[in-house]
C-alpha atoms as a PDB file:
ATOM      1  CA  MET A   1     165.941  76.911 -68.606  1.00  0.00           C
ATOM      2  CA  LEU A   2     166.326  73.156 -70.003  1.00  0.00           C
ATOM      3  CA  VAL A   3     169.971  72.166 -69.941  1.00  0.00           C
ATOM      4  CA  VAL A   4     170.728  68.995 -72.152  1.00  0.00           C
ATOM      5  CA  ASP A   5     173.696  67.020 -71.545  1.00  0.00           C
ATOM      6  CA  ASP A   6     174.535  63.516 -70.737  1.00  0.00           C
ATOM      7  CA  LEU A   7     177.602  64.446 -68.440  1.00  0.00           C
ATOM      8  CA  ALA A   8     176.091  65.136 -64.960  1.00  0.00           C
ATOM      9  CA  ALA A   9     179.145  67.732 -64.271  1.00  0.00           C
ATOM     10  CA  ASN A  10     178.896  69.637 -67.277  1.00  0.00           C
ATOM     11  CA  ALA A  11     175.119  69.947 -66.526  1.00  0.00           C
ATOM     12  CA  ARG A  12     175.556  71.049 -62.921  1.00  0.00           C
ATOM     13  CA  LEU A  13     178.136  73.492 -64.040  1.00  0.00           C
ATOM     14  CA  LEU A  14     175.581  75.313 -66.278  1.00  0.00           C
ATOM     15  CA  GLN A  15     173.182  75.043 -63.524  1.00  0.00           C
ATOM     16  CA  ARG A  16     175.285  76.855 -60.875  1.00  0.00           C
ATOM     17  CA  LEU A  17     175.770  79.542 -63.684  1.00  0.00           C
ATOM     18  CA  LEU A  18     172.011  79.960 -64.469  1.00  0.00           C
ATOM     19  CA  VAL A  19     170.703  79.892 -60.861  1.00  0.00           C
ATOM     20  CA  ARG A  20     173.266  82.514 -59.965  1.00  0.00           C
ATOM     21  CA  ASP A  21     171.474  84.773 -62.448  1.00  0.00           C
ATOM     22  CA  GLY A  22     168.018  83.883 -61.299  1.00  0.00           C
ATOM     23  CA  HIS A  23     166.828  80.989 -63.566  1.00  0.00           C
ATOM     24  CA  ARG A  24     165.088  77.889 -62.634  1.00  0.00           C
ATOM     25  CA  VAL A  25     166.798  75.094 -64.430  1.00  0.00           C
ATOM     26  CA  ILE A  26     165.552  71.397 -65.495  1.00  0.00           C
ATOM     27  CA  PHE A  27     167.874  68.688 -67.013  1.00  0.00           C
ATOM     28  CA  ALA A  28     167.489  66.189 -69.847  1.00  0.00           C
ATOM     29  CA  GLN A  29     170.211  63.550 -70.462  1.00  0.00           C
ATOM     30  CA  ASP A  30     169.993  62.924 -74.265  1.00  0.00           C
ATOM     31  CA  GLY A  31     168.032  64.318 -77.171  1.00  0.00           C
ATOM     32  CA  GLU A  32     164.653  61.994 -76.876  1.00  0.00           C
ATOM     33  CA  GLU A  33     164.368  63.236 -73.299  1.00  0.00           C
ATOM     34  CA  ALA A  34     165.076  66.887 -74.359  1.00  0.00           C
ATOM     35  CA  LEU A  35     162.040  66.572 -76.732  1.00  0.00           C
ATOM     36  CA  ALA A  36     159.891  65.166 -74.414  1.00  0.00           C
ATOM     37  CA  ARG A  37     160.883  67.804 -71.944  1.00  0.00           C
ATOM     38  CA  VAL A  38     160.449  70.606 -74.339  1.00  0.00           C
ATOM     39  CA  ARG A  39     156.835  69.513 -75.013  1.00  0.00           C
ATOM     40  CA  HIS A  40     155.726  68.935 -71.581  1.00  0.00           C
ATOM     41  CA  ASP A  41     157.539  71.722 -69.790  1.00  0.00           C
ATOM     42  CA  HIS A  42     158.023  74.676 -72.227  1.00  0.00           C
ATOM     43  CA  PRO A  43     161.323  76.000 -71.363  1.00  0.00           C
ATOM     44  CA  ASP A  44     161.948  79.491 -72.162  1.00  0.00           C
ATOM     45  CA  LEU A  45     165.366  78.322 -73.470  1.00  0.00           C
ATOM     46  CA  VAL A  46     167.435  75.387 -74.368  1.00  0.00           C
ATOM     47  CA  LEU A  47     171.258  75.028 -73.687  1.00  0.00           C
ATOM     48  CA  MET A  48     172.189  71.674 -75.245  1.00  0.00           C
ATOM     49  CA  ASP A  49     175.459  69.775 -75.818  1.00  0.00           C
ATOM     50  CA  VAL A  50     175.989  68.754 -79.372  1.00  0.00           C
ATOM     51  CA  ILE A  51     177.969  65.302 -78.575  1.00  0.00           C
ATOM     52  CA  MET A  52     175.344  62.953 -76.818  1.00  0.00           C
ATOM     53  CA  PRO A  53     174.180  59.291 -77.238  1.00  0.00           C
ATOM     54  CA  THR A  54     170.863  58.262 -78.848  1.00  0.00           C
ATOM     55  CA  LEU A  55     170.047  61.780 -80.675  1.00  0.00           C
ATOM     56  CA  ASP A  56     172.773  64.277 -81.020  1.00  0.00           C
ATOM     57  CA  GLY A  57     172.317  68.084 -80.435  1.00  0.00           C
ATOM     58  CA  PHE A  58     172.335  68.965 -84.132  1.00  0.00           C
ATOM     59  CA  GLU A  59     169.316  66.475 -84.886  1.00  0.00           C
ATOM     60  CA  THR A  60     167.444  67.388 -81.618  1.00  0.00           C
ATOM     61  CA  CYS A  61     167.749  70.822 -82.680  1.00  0.00           C
ATOM     62  CA  ARG A  62     166.415  70.215 -86.105  1.00  0.00           C
ATOM     63  CA  ARG A  63     163.599  68.344 -85.003  1.00  0.00           C
ATOM     64  CA  LEU A  64     162.634  71.081 -82.411  1.00  0.00           C
ATOM     65  CA  LYS A  65     162.834  73.586 -84.988  1.00  0.00           C
ATOM     66  CA  SER A  66     160.859  71.726 -87.422  1.00  0.00           C
ATOM     67  CA  ASP A  67     157.961  71.430 -85.254  1.00  0.00           C
ATOM     68  CA  PRO A  68     155.312  74.416 -85.086  1.00  0.00           C
ATOM     69  CA  GLU A  69     154.834  73.862 -81.309  1.00  0.00           C
ATOM     70  CA  THR A  70     158.612  74.028 -80.450  1.00  0.00           C
ATOM     71  CA  ARG A  71     160.183  76.040 -83.286  1.00  0.00           C
ATOM     72  CA  LEU A  72     160.165  79.275 -81.716  1.00  0.00           C
ATOM     73  CA  VAL A  73     162.131  77.843 -78.486  1.00  0.00           C
ATOM     74  CA  PRO A  74     165.719  79.375 -78.505  1.00  0.00           C
ATOM     75  CA  VAL A  75     168.179  76.886 -78.813  1.00  0.00           C
ATOM     76  CA  VAL A  76     171.934  77.279 -77.791  1.00  0.00           C
ATOM     77  CA  LEU A  77     174.400  74.573 -79.047  1.00  0.00           C
ATOM     78  CA  VAL A  78     177.430  74.188 -76.583  1.00  0.00           C
ATOM     79  CA  THR A  79     180.243  72.417 -77.514  1.00  0.00           C
ATOM     80  CA  ALA A  80     183.887  72.136 -77.613  1.00  0.00           C
ATOM     81  CA  LEU A  81     184.187  71.428 -81.196  1.00  0.00           C
ATOM     82  CA  GLN A  82     185.793  74.763 -82.872  1.00  0.00           C
ATOM     83  CA  GLY A  83     185.526  74.115 -86.345  1.00  0.00           C
ATOM     84  CA  SER A  84     183.321  76.542 -88.621  1.00  0.00           C
ATOM     85  CA  ARG A  85     181.892  73.255 -90.372  1.00  0.00           C
ATOM     86  CA  GLU A  86     180.045  72.471 -86.907  1.00  0.00           C
ATOM     87  CA  ARG A  87     178.996  75.996 -86.580  1.00  0.00           C
ATOM     88  CA  VAL A  88     177.466  76.101 -90.128  1.00  0.00           C
ATOM     89  CA  ARG A  89     175.732  72.505 -89.382  1.00  0.00           C
ATOM     90  CA  GLY A  90     174.292  74.361 -86.086  1.00  0.00           C
ATOM     91  CA  LEU A  91     172.881  77.335 -88.216  1.00  0.00           C
ATOM     92  CA  GLU A  92     171.357  75.003 -90.786  1.00  0.00           C
ATOM     93  CA  VAL A  93     169.505  73.017 -88.306  1.00  0.00           C
ATOM     94  CA  GLY A  94     168.042  76.052 -86.828  1.00  0.00           C
ATOM     95  CA  ALA A  95     170.459  76.716 -83.778  1.00  0.00           C
ATOM     96  CA  ASP A  96     169.970  80.249 -82.395  1.00  0.00           C
ATOM     97  CA  ASP A  97     173.366  80.882 -80.923  1.00  0.00           C
ATOM     98  CA  PHE A  98     176.385  78.850 -79.703  1.00  0.00           C
ATOM     99  CA  LEU A  99     178.917  78.664 -76.782  1.00  0.00           C
ATOM    100  CA  SER A 100     182.162  77.197 -76.717  1.00  0.00           C
ATOM    101  CA  ARG A 101     183.691  75.121 -73.658  1.00  0.00           C
ATOM    102  CA  PRO A 102     185.038  76.001 -71.427  1.00  0.00           C
ATOM    103  CA  VAL A 103     181.880  78.226 -70.712  1.00  0.00           C
ATOM    104  CA  ASN A 104     182.667  81.741 -70.060  1.00  0.00           C
ATOM    105  CA  THR A 105     180.463  83.026 -67.323  1.00  0.00           C
ATOM    106  CA  ALA A 106     179.812  86.481 -68.607  1.00  0.00           C
ATOM    107  CA  GLU A 107     179.445  85.240 -72.091  1.00  0.00           C
ATOM    108  CA  LEU A 108     176.711  82.590 -70.936  1.00  0.00           C
ATOM    109  CA  THR A 109     174.851  85.465 -69.084  1.00  0.00           C
ATOM    110  CA  ALA A 110     174.736  87.670 -72.065  1.00  0.00           C
ATOM    111  CA  ARG A 111     173.888  85.435 -74.665  1.00  0.00           C
ATOM    112  CA  VAL A 112     170.879  84.033 -72.405  1.00  0.00           C
ATOM    113  CA  ARG A 113     169.697  87.303 -71.547  1.00  0.00           C
ATOM    114  CA  SER A 114     169.845  88.613 -75.276  1.00  0.00           C
ATOM    115  CA  LEU A 115     167.782  85.352 -76.307  1.00  0.00           C
ATOM    116  CA  LEU A 116     165.086  85.705 -73.489  1.00  0.00           C
ATOM    117  CA  ARG A 117     164.428  89.192 -74.487  1.00  0.00           C
ATOM    118  CA  ILE A 118     163.705  88.294 -77.965  1.00  0.00           C
ATOM    119  CA  LYS A 119     161.728  85.339 -76.611  1.00  0.00           C
ATOM    120  CA  ARG A 120     159.346  87.642 -74.743  1.00  0.00           C
ATOM    121  CA  PHE A 121     158.944  89.638 -77.660  1.00  0.00           C
ATOM    122  CA  THR A 122     157.966  86.815 -79.882  1.00  0.00           C
ATOM    123  CA  ASP A 123     155.657  85.398 -77.044  1.00  0.00           C
ATOM    124  CA  GLU A 124     153.950  89.022 -76.762  1.00  0.00           C
ATOM    125  CA  LEU A 125     153.134  88.720 -80.629  1.00  0.00           C
ATOM    126  CA  ASP A 126     152.213  85.302 -80.273  1.00  0.00           C
ATOM    127  CA  SER A 127     149.629  85.766 -77.577  1.00  0.00           C
ATOM    128  CA  ALA A 128     148.272  89.023 -79.585  1.00  0.00           C
ATOM    129  CA  GLU A 129     147.576  86.934 -82.506  1.00  0.00           C
ATOM    130  CA  SER A 130     145.987  84.175 -80.333  1.00  0.00           C
ATOM    131  CA  VAL A 131     143.521  86.776 -78.930  1.00  0.00           C
ATOM    132  CA  ILE A 132     142.737  87.901 -82.421  1.00  0.00           C
ATOM    133  CA  LEU A 133     142.134  84.206 -83.428  1.00  0.00           C
ATOM    134  CA  SER A 134     139.934  83.573 -80.348  1.00  0.00           C
ATOM    135  CA  LEU A 135     138.044  86.753 -81.394  1.00  0.00           C
ATOM    136  CA  ALA A 136     137.038  85.639 -84.639  1.00  0.00           C
ATOM    137  CA  LEU A 137     135.954  82.116 -83.395  1.00  0.00           C
ATOM    138  CA  THR A 138     133.797  83.989 -80.976  1.00  0.00           C
ATOM    139  CA  ILE A 139     132.231  86.014 -83.949  1.00  0.00           C
ATOM    140  CA  GLU A 140     131.436  82.784 -85.511  1.00  0.00           C
ATOM    141  CA  ALA A 141     129.785  81.644 -82.360  1.00  0.00           C
ATOM    142  CA  ARG A 142     127.315  84.456 -82.206  1.00  0.00           C
ATOM    143  CA  ASP A 143     125.460  82.598 -85.013  1.00  0.00           C
ATOM    144  CA  ALA A 144     124.963  78.765 -84.687  1.00  0.00           C
ATOM    145  CA  ARG A 145     124.639  78.349 -88.443  1.00  0.00           C
ATOM    146  CA  THR A 146     127.585  79.504 -89.545  1.00  0.00           C
ATOM    147  CA  GLU A 147     129.400  76.939 -87.137  1.00  0.00           C
ATOM    148  CA  GLY A 148     132.743  75.461 -89.168  1.00  0.00           C
ATOM    149  CA  HIS A 149     132.790  78.484 -91.692  1.00  0.00           C
ATOM    150  CA  CYS A 150     136.221  79.654 -90.572  1.00  0.00           C
ATOM    151  CA  GLN A 151     137.586  76.027 -90.679  1.00  0.00           C
ATOM    152  CA  ARG A 152     136.128  75.253 -94.182  1.00  0.00           C
ATOM    153  CA  LEU A 153     137.405  78.694 -95.699  1.00  0.00           C
ATOM    154  CA  ALA A 154     140.770  77.952 -94.379  1.00  0.00           C
ATOM    155  CA  HIS A 155     140.476  74.375 -95.921  1.00  0.00           C
ATOM    156  CA  TYR A 156     139.263  75.548 -99.108  1.00  0.00           C
ATOM    157  CA  SER A 157     141.658  78.475 -99.715  1.00  0.00           C
ATOM    158  CA  VAL A 158     144.537  76.548 -98.762  1.00  0.00           C
ATOM    159  CA  LEU A 159     143.489  73.904-101.350  1.00  0.00           C
ATOM    160  CA  VAL A 160     143.187  76.460-104.135  1.00  0.00           C
ATOM    161  CA  GLY A 161     146.274  78.115-103.105  1.00  0.00           C
ATOM    162  CA  ARG A 162     148.292  74.920-103.458  1.00  0.00           C
ATOM    163  CA  GLU A 163     146.670  74.151-106.795  1.00  0.00           C
ATOM    164  CA  LEU A 164     147.755  77.577-107.979  1.00  0.00           C
ATOM    165  CA  GLY A 165     151.498  76.618-106.962  1.00  0.00           C
ATOM    166  CA  LEU A 166     151.510  79.523-104.109  1.00  0.00           C
ATOM    167  CA  ASN A 167     154.623  79.184-101.578  1.00  0.00           C
ATOM    168  CA  GLU A 168     154.186  77.988 -97.997  1.00  0.00           C
ATOM    169  CA  GLU A 169     154.157  81.698 -96.836  1.00  0.00           C
ATOM    170  CA  ASP A 170     151.259  82.556 -98.764  1.00  0.00           C
ATOM    171  CA  LEU A 171     149.594  79.054 -97.987  1.00  0.00           C
ATOM    172  CA  SER A 172     149.980  80.079 -94.264  1.00  0.00           C
ATOM    173  CA  ALA A 173     148.482  83.459 -94.688  1.00  0.00           C
ATOM    174  CA  LEU A 174     145.264  81.823 -96.477  1.00  0.00           C
ATOM    175  CA  ALA A 175     145.031  79.614 -93.406  1.00  0.00           C
ATOM    176  CA  LYS A 176     144.999  82.278 -90.954  1.00  0.00           C
ATOM    177  CA  GLY A 177     142.980  84.509 -93.360  1.00  0.00           C
ATOM    178  CA  GLY A 178     140.293  81.623 -93.297  1.00  0.00           C
ATOM    179  CA  TYR A 179     139.872  82.494 -89.576  1.00  0.00           C
ATOM    180  CA  LEU A 180     140.547  86.062 -89.629  1.00  0.00           C
ATOM    181  CA  HIS A 181     138.588  87.383 -92.767  1.00  0.00           C
ATOM    182  CA  ASP A 182     135.640  88.540 -90.827  1.00  0.00           C
ATOM    183  CA  VAL A 183     136.945  89.392 -87.637  1.00  0.00           C
ATOM    184  CA  GLY A 184     135.790  92.952 -88.047  1.00  0.00           C
ATOM    185  CA  LYS A 185     132.340  91.814 -87.623  1.00  0.00           C
ATOM    186  CA  VAL A 186     132.949  91.906 -83.734  1.00  0.00           C
ATOM    187  CA  GLY A 187     132.019  95.721 -84.316  1.00  0.00           C
ATOM    188  CA  ILE A 188     128.806  94.920 -86.227  1.00  0.00           C
ATOM    189  CA  PRO A 189     125.241  94.709 -84.113  1.00  0.00           C
ATOM    190  CA  ASP A 190     123.654  91.639 -83.769  1.00  0.00           C
ATOM    191  CA  SER A 191     120.431  93.284 -85.430  1.00  0.00           C
ATOM    192  CA  ILE A 192     122.469  93.683 -88.489  1.00  0.00           C
ATOM    193  CA  LEU A 193     124.478  90.793 -88.595  1.00  0.00           C
ATOM    194  CA  LEU A 194     121.864  88.138 -87.691  1.00  0.00           C
ATOM    195  CA  LYS A 195     118.974  90.146 -89.520  1.00  0.00           C
ATOM    196  CA  PRO A 196     116.919  87.306 -91.477  1.00  0.00           C
ATOM    197  CA  ALA A 197     115.885  89.835 -94.003  1.00  0.00           C
ATOM    198  CA  LYS A 198     117.514  92.258 -96.845  1.00  0.00           C
ATOM    199  CA  LEU A 199     119.408  94.962 -95.168  1.00  0.00           C
ATOM    200  CA  THR A 200     118.410  98.426 -95.673  1.00  0.00           C
ATOM    201  CA  PRO A 201     121.127 100.823 -97.215  1.00  0.00           C
ATOM    202  CA  ALA A 202     121.961 102.046 -94.179  1.00  0.00           C
ATOM    203  CA  GLU A 203     122.386  98.965 -92.514  1.00  0.00           C
ATOM    204  CA  THR A 204     124.214  97.630 -95.677  1.00  0.00           C
ATOM    205  CA  ALA A 205     126.774 100.634 -95.261  1.00  0.00           C
ATOM    206  CA  ILE A 206     127.403  99.595 -91.284  1.00  0.00           C
ATOM    207  CA  MET A 207     127.861  95.944 -92.515  1.00  0.00           C
ATOM    208  CA  GLN A 208     130.481  97.233 -95.129  1.00  0.00           C
ATOM    209  CA  GLN A 209     132.794  98.572 -92.376  1.00  0.00           C
ATOM    210  CA  HIS A 210     133.754  95.152 -91.196  1.00  0.00           C
ATOM    211  CA  PRO A 211     136.909  94.839 -93.399  1.00  0.00           C
ATOM    212  CA  ILE A 212     138.242  98.022 -92.207  1.00  0.00           C
ATOM    213  CA  ILE A 213     137.535  97.245 -88.386  1.00  0.00           C
ATOM    214  CA  GLY A 214     139.083  93.753 -88.937  1.00  0.00           C
ATOM    215  CA  ASP A 215     142.352  95.515 -90.750  1.00  0.00           C
ATOM    216  CA  ARG A 216     142.438  97.984 -87.473  1.00  0.00           C
ATOM    217  CA  LEU A 217     142.185  94.765 -85.196  1.00  0.00           C
ATOM    218  CA  CYS A 218     144.826  93.107 -86.799  1.00  0.00           C
ATOM    219  CA  GLY A 219     146.951  96.057 -86.545  1.00  0.00           C
ATOM    220  CA  GLU A 220     150.363  96.072 -86.893  1.00  0.00           C
ATOM    221  CA  LEU A 221     151.418  92.571 -85.743  1.00  0.00           C
ATOM    222  CA  ARG A 222     154.030  91.331 -88.060  1.00  0.00           C
ATOM    223  CA  SER A 223     152.765  87.929 -87.974  1.00  0.00           C
ATOM    224  CA  LEU A 224     149.708  89.007 -89.664  1.00  0.00           C
ATOM    225  CA  ARG A 225     151.232  91.276 -92.073  1.00  0.00           C
ATOM    226  CA  ARG A 226     150.452  88.940 -94.902  1.00  0.00           C
ATOM    227  CA  VAL A 227     146.868  88.471 -93.693  1.00  0.00           C
ATOM    228  CA  ARG A 228     145.780  91.930 -93.502  1.00  0.00           C
ATOM    229  CA  PRO A 229     145.323  92.405 -97.286  1.00  0.00           C
ATOM    230  CA  ILE A 230     143.077  89.257 -97.104  1.00  0.00           C
ATOM    231  CA  VAL A 231     140.931  90.641 -94.175  1.00  0.00           C
ATOM    232  CA  ARG A 232     140.661  94.274 -95.833  1.00  0.00           C
ATOM    233  CA  HIS A 233     139.851  93.419 -99.417  1.00  0.00           C
ATOM    234  CA  HIS A 234     138.114  90.000 -99.798  1.00  0.00           C
ATOM    235  CA  HIS A 235     134.882  91.785-100.633  1.00  0.00           C
ATOM    236  CA  GLU A 236     136.598  93.660-103.780  1.00  0.00           C
ATOM    237  CA  ARG A 237     135.436  92.875-107.184  1.00  0.00           C
ATOM    238  CA  LEU A 238     137.735  92.987-110.133  1.00  0.00           C
ATOM    239  CA  ASP A 239     135.555  95.476-111.888  1.00  0.00           C
ATOM    240  CA  GLY A 240     135.933  97.899-108.881  1.00  0.00           C
ATOM    241  CA  SER A 241     132.428  97.200-107.736  1.00  0.00           C
ATOM    242  CA  GLY A 242     133.265  95.668-104.497  1.00  0.00           C
ATOM    243  CA  TYR A 243     134.309  97.363-100.895  1.00  0.00           C
ATOM    244  CA  PRO A 244     135.433  98.888 -98.993  1.00  0.00           C
ATOM    245  CA  SER A 245     138.325 100.263-101.527  1.00  0.00           C
ATOM    246  CA  GLY A 246     136.862  99.777-104.725  1.00  0.00           C
ATOM    247  CA  LEU A 247     139.992  98.050-106.247  1.00  0.00           C
ATOM    248  CA  ARG A 248     139.928  97.048-109.758  1.00  0.00           C
ATOM    249  CA  GLY A 249     141.874  94.073-111.548  1.00  0.00           C
ATOM    250  CA  SER A 250     145.356  93.222-110.385  1.00  0.00           C
ATOM    251  CA  ALA A 251     145.136  95.862-107.527  1.00  0.00           C
ATOM    252  CA  VAL A 252     142.722  93.285-105.771  1.00  0.00           C
ATOM    253  CA  PRO A 253     145.414  91.314-103.927  1.00  0.00           C
ATOM    254  CA  GLN A 254     145.572  87.575-105.120  1.00  0.00           C
ATOM    255  CA  LEU A 255     144.999  86.106-101.580  1.00  0.00           C
ATOM    256  CA  ALA A 256     141.947  88.368-101.161  1.00  0.00           C
ATOM    257  CA  GLN A 257     140.718  86.786-104.422  1.00  0.00           C
ATOM    258  CA  ILE A 258     141.011  83.307-103.413  1.00  0.00           C
ATOM    259  CA  MET A 259     139.337  84.144-100.117  1.00  0.00           C
ATOM    260  CA  SER A 260     136.656  85.891-101.758  1.00  0.00           C
ATOM    261  CA  VAL A 261     135.915  82.847-104.276  1.00  0.00           C
ATOM    262  CA  VAL A 262     136.074  80.435-101.431  1.00  0.00           C
ATOM    263  CA  ASP A 263     133.828  82.524 -99.091  1.00  0.00           C
ATOM    264  CA  ILE A 264     131.143  83.043-101.797  1.00  0.00           C
ATOM    265  CA  PHE A 265     131.029  79.246-102.378  1.00  0.00           C
ATOM    266  CA  ASP A 266     130.521  78.385 -98.644  1.00  0.00           C
ATOM    267  CA  ALA A 267     128.069  81.323 -97.913  1.00  0.00           C
ATOM    268  CA  LEU A 268     126.145  79.701-101.054  1.00  0.00           C
ATOM    269  CA  THR A 269     126.232  76.133-100.073  1.00  0.00           C
ATOM    270  CA  THR A 270     125.252  76.766 -96.171  1.00  0.00           C
ATOM    271  CA  THR A 271     122.339  78.048 -94.307  1.00  0.00           C
ATOM    272  CA  ARG A 272     122.423  81.477 -93.448  1.00  0.00           C
ATOM    273  CA  PRO A 273     119.550  83.673 -91.518  1.00  0.00           C
ATOM    274  CA  TYR A 274     118.636  85.274 -94.742  1.00  0.00           C
ATOM    275  CA  LYS A 275     118.637  82.053 -97.181  1.00  0.00           C
ATOM    276  CA  PRO A 276     118.651  78.212 -97.244  1.00  0.00           C
ATOM    277  CA  ALA A 277     121.454  76.174 -98.578  1.00  0.00           C
ATOM    278  CA  GLN A 278     122.056  75.855-102.455  1.00  0.00           C
ATOM    279  CA  PRO A 279     123.167  72.489-104.255  1.00  0.00           C
ATOM    280  CA  VAL A 280     127.008  72.457-104.977  1.00  0.00           C
ATOM    281  CA  GLU A 281     126.269  72.377-108.630  1.00  0.00           C
ATOM    282  CA  GLU A 282     124.333  75.777-108.384  1.00  0.00           C
ATOM    283  CA  ALA A 283     127.284  77.399-106.544  1.00  0.00           C
ATOM    284  CA  TYR A 284     129.471  76.454-109.496  1.00  0.00           C
ATOM    285  CA  GLN A 285     127.165  78.166-111.525  1.00  0.00           C
ATOM    286  CA  GLU A 286     126.997  80.996-109.514  1.00  0.00           C
ATOM    287  CA  LEU A 287     130.895  81.413-109.470  1.00  0.00           C
ATOM    288  CA  ALA A 288     130.871  80.799-113.437  1.00  0.00           C
ATOM    289  CA  ASP A 289     128.228  83.734-113.688  1.00  0.00           C
ATOM    290  CA  GLN A 290     130.367  86.111-111.547  1.00  0.00           C
ATOM    291  CA  VAL A 291     133.430  85.114-113.867  1.00  0.00           C
ATOM    292  CA  ALA A 292     131.282  86.468-116.666  1.00  0.00           C
ATOM    293  CA  CYS A 293     130.326  89.497-114.921  1.00  0.00           C
ATOM    294  CA  GLY A 294     134.159  90.535-114.448  1.00  0.00           C
ATOM    295  CA  TRP A 295     133.666  90.269-110.718  1.00  0.00           C
ATOM    296  CA  ARG A 296     136.172  87.168-110.059  1.00  0.00           C
ATOM    297  CA  SER A 297     139.174  85.547-111.395  1.00  0.00           C
ATOM    298  CA  PRO A 298     138.718  83.044-114.096  1.00  0.00           C
ATOM    299  CA  GLU A 299     141.996  81.432-113.162  1.00  0.00           C
ATOM    300  CA  ILE A 300     141.059  81.056-109.469  1.00  0.00           C
ATOM    301  CA  VAL A 301     137.325  79.811-110.292  1.00  0.00           C
ATOM    302  CA  ASP A 302     138.502  77.279-112.741  1.00  0.00           C
ATOM    303  CA  VAL A 303     140.950  75.620-110.098  1.00  0.00           C
ATOM    304  CA  MET A 304     137.926  75.806-107.712  1.00  0.00           C
ATOM    305  CA  LEU A 305     135.585  73.955-110.072  1.00  0.00           C
ATOM    306  CA  SER A 306     138.434  71.594-110.642  1.00  0.00           C
ATOM    307  CA  LEU A 307     138.988  70.637-107.636  1.00  0.00           C
ATOM    308  CA  GLY A 308     135.354  69.893-107.048  1.00  0.00           C
ATOM    309  CA  GLN A 309     135.158  67.823-110.324  1.00  0.00           C
ATOM    310  CA  LYS A 310     138.132  65.558-109.016  1.00  0.00           C
ATOM    311  CA  GLY A 311     136.491  64.856-105.607  1.00  0.00           C
ATOM    312  CA  GLN A 312     139.158  67.146-103.917  1.00  0.00           C
ATOM    313  CA  LEU A 313     136.914  69.783-102.562  1.00  0.00           C
ATOM    314  CA  LEU A 314     134.908  67.982 -99.944  1.00  0.00           C
ATOM    315  CA  PRO A 315     131.198  69.096 -99.191  1.00  0.00           C
ATOM    316  CA  PRO A 316     131.096  71.962 -96.468  1.00  0.00           C
ATOM    317  CA  ALA A 317     129.523  69.376 -93.867  1.00  0.00           C
ATOM    318  CA  ALA A 318     132.463  66.988 -94.416  1.00  0.00           C
ATOM    319  CA  VAL A 319     135.020  69.370 -94.111  1.00  0.00           C
ATOM    320  CA  GLY A 320     133.455  70.864 -90.985  1.00  0.00           C
ATOM    321  CA  GLU A 321     133.612  67.344 -89.293  1.00  0.00           C
ATOM    322  CA  THR A 322     137.085  66.699 -90.086  1.00  0.00           C
ATOM    323  CA  GLY A 323     138.286  70.053 -88.989  1.00  0.00           C
ATOM    324  CA  GLY A 324     140.800  70.251 -91.810  1.00  0.00           C
ATOM    325  CA  THR A 325     142.662  73.808 -92.050  1.00  0.00           C
ATOM    326  CA  GLY A 326     145.075  73.397 -94.617  1.00  0.00           C
ATOM    327  CA  SER A 327     145.698  69.985 -95.849  1.00  0.00           C
ATOM    328  CA  ALA A 328     144.019  68.024 -98.904  1.00  0.00           C
ATOM    329  CA  PRO A 329     141.669  65.177 -97.454  1.00  0.00           C
END
């Protein structure tokens, strides 16, 4: 537990109550120190006074909740202020709970236990997602010639999604989907995955199982709910000739359509076991041809071509070097 209070007596009181319930307690005297301690010590919960010098509890909470690295740490604001305006402000900056002074021991214990239980569930989901992301990168590492592929797809797809006006949830799903789209290839033998020649019909059937395998691997993780359609359907075509489900038209999820376009672009412009890299201009023409065939969305391909023409779509090698996963250069 991290207790944040500029008054030592208040901090010691909370320490006694928390230690009695089996918790280890560390301290910070103001908001700036609290931010540093959270990043360095990774506490399971923060109990923080509202009125402090330098940086008050509201602003400190806002900064913690705005940072992707610390936003899931539960924050309890401790205050003698009783007005509803202060509680509304606390909710606005992301506080998870409130405690009023003088602190009631039973209330403190119950609120802390409840928030820690939620934190454990969140950590388990986060750990599972991290394992799947690591697995996706391990698949990429099976072939040195695809190095940077996941980073590039995350980068390209977010650029396209942002140009299309998608919301932040969709952009986040595209960034994750760039890494996870081919996670199902973990179930494909190297003899097929890395074959330097055309696959046989039987081998093709096995390869086309990877979206289904990937969807199953993502399982029921709530954090990957918006990513799963990308994983399962990024090989569909608008005319129904794709796989694994043969979806047609608007039945193909928009995020999966975006991923399919950027995946094709990257596949064309990088060296693969079965072919050399093509010039960017030829890749653009191939995408235009696929629109003409009814396979790809003209809107998405137009956005892709526009980004390239405006110099906003970095060449694959340059994107790999920057390591970009979601922001424009």
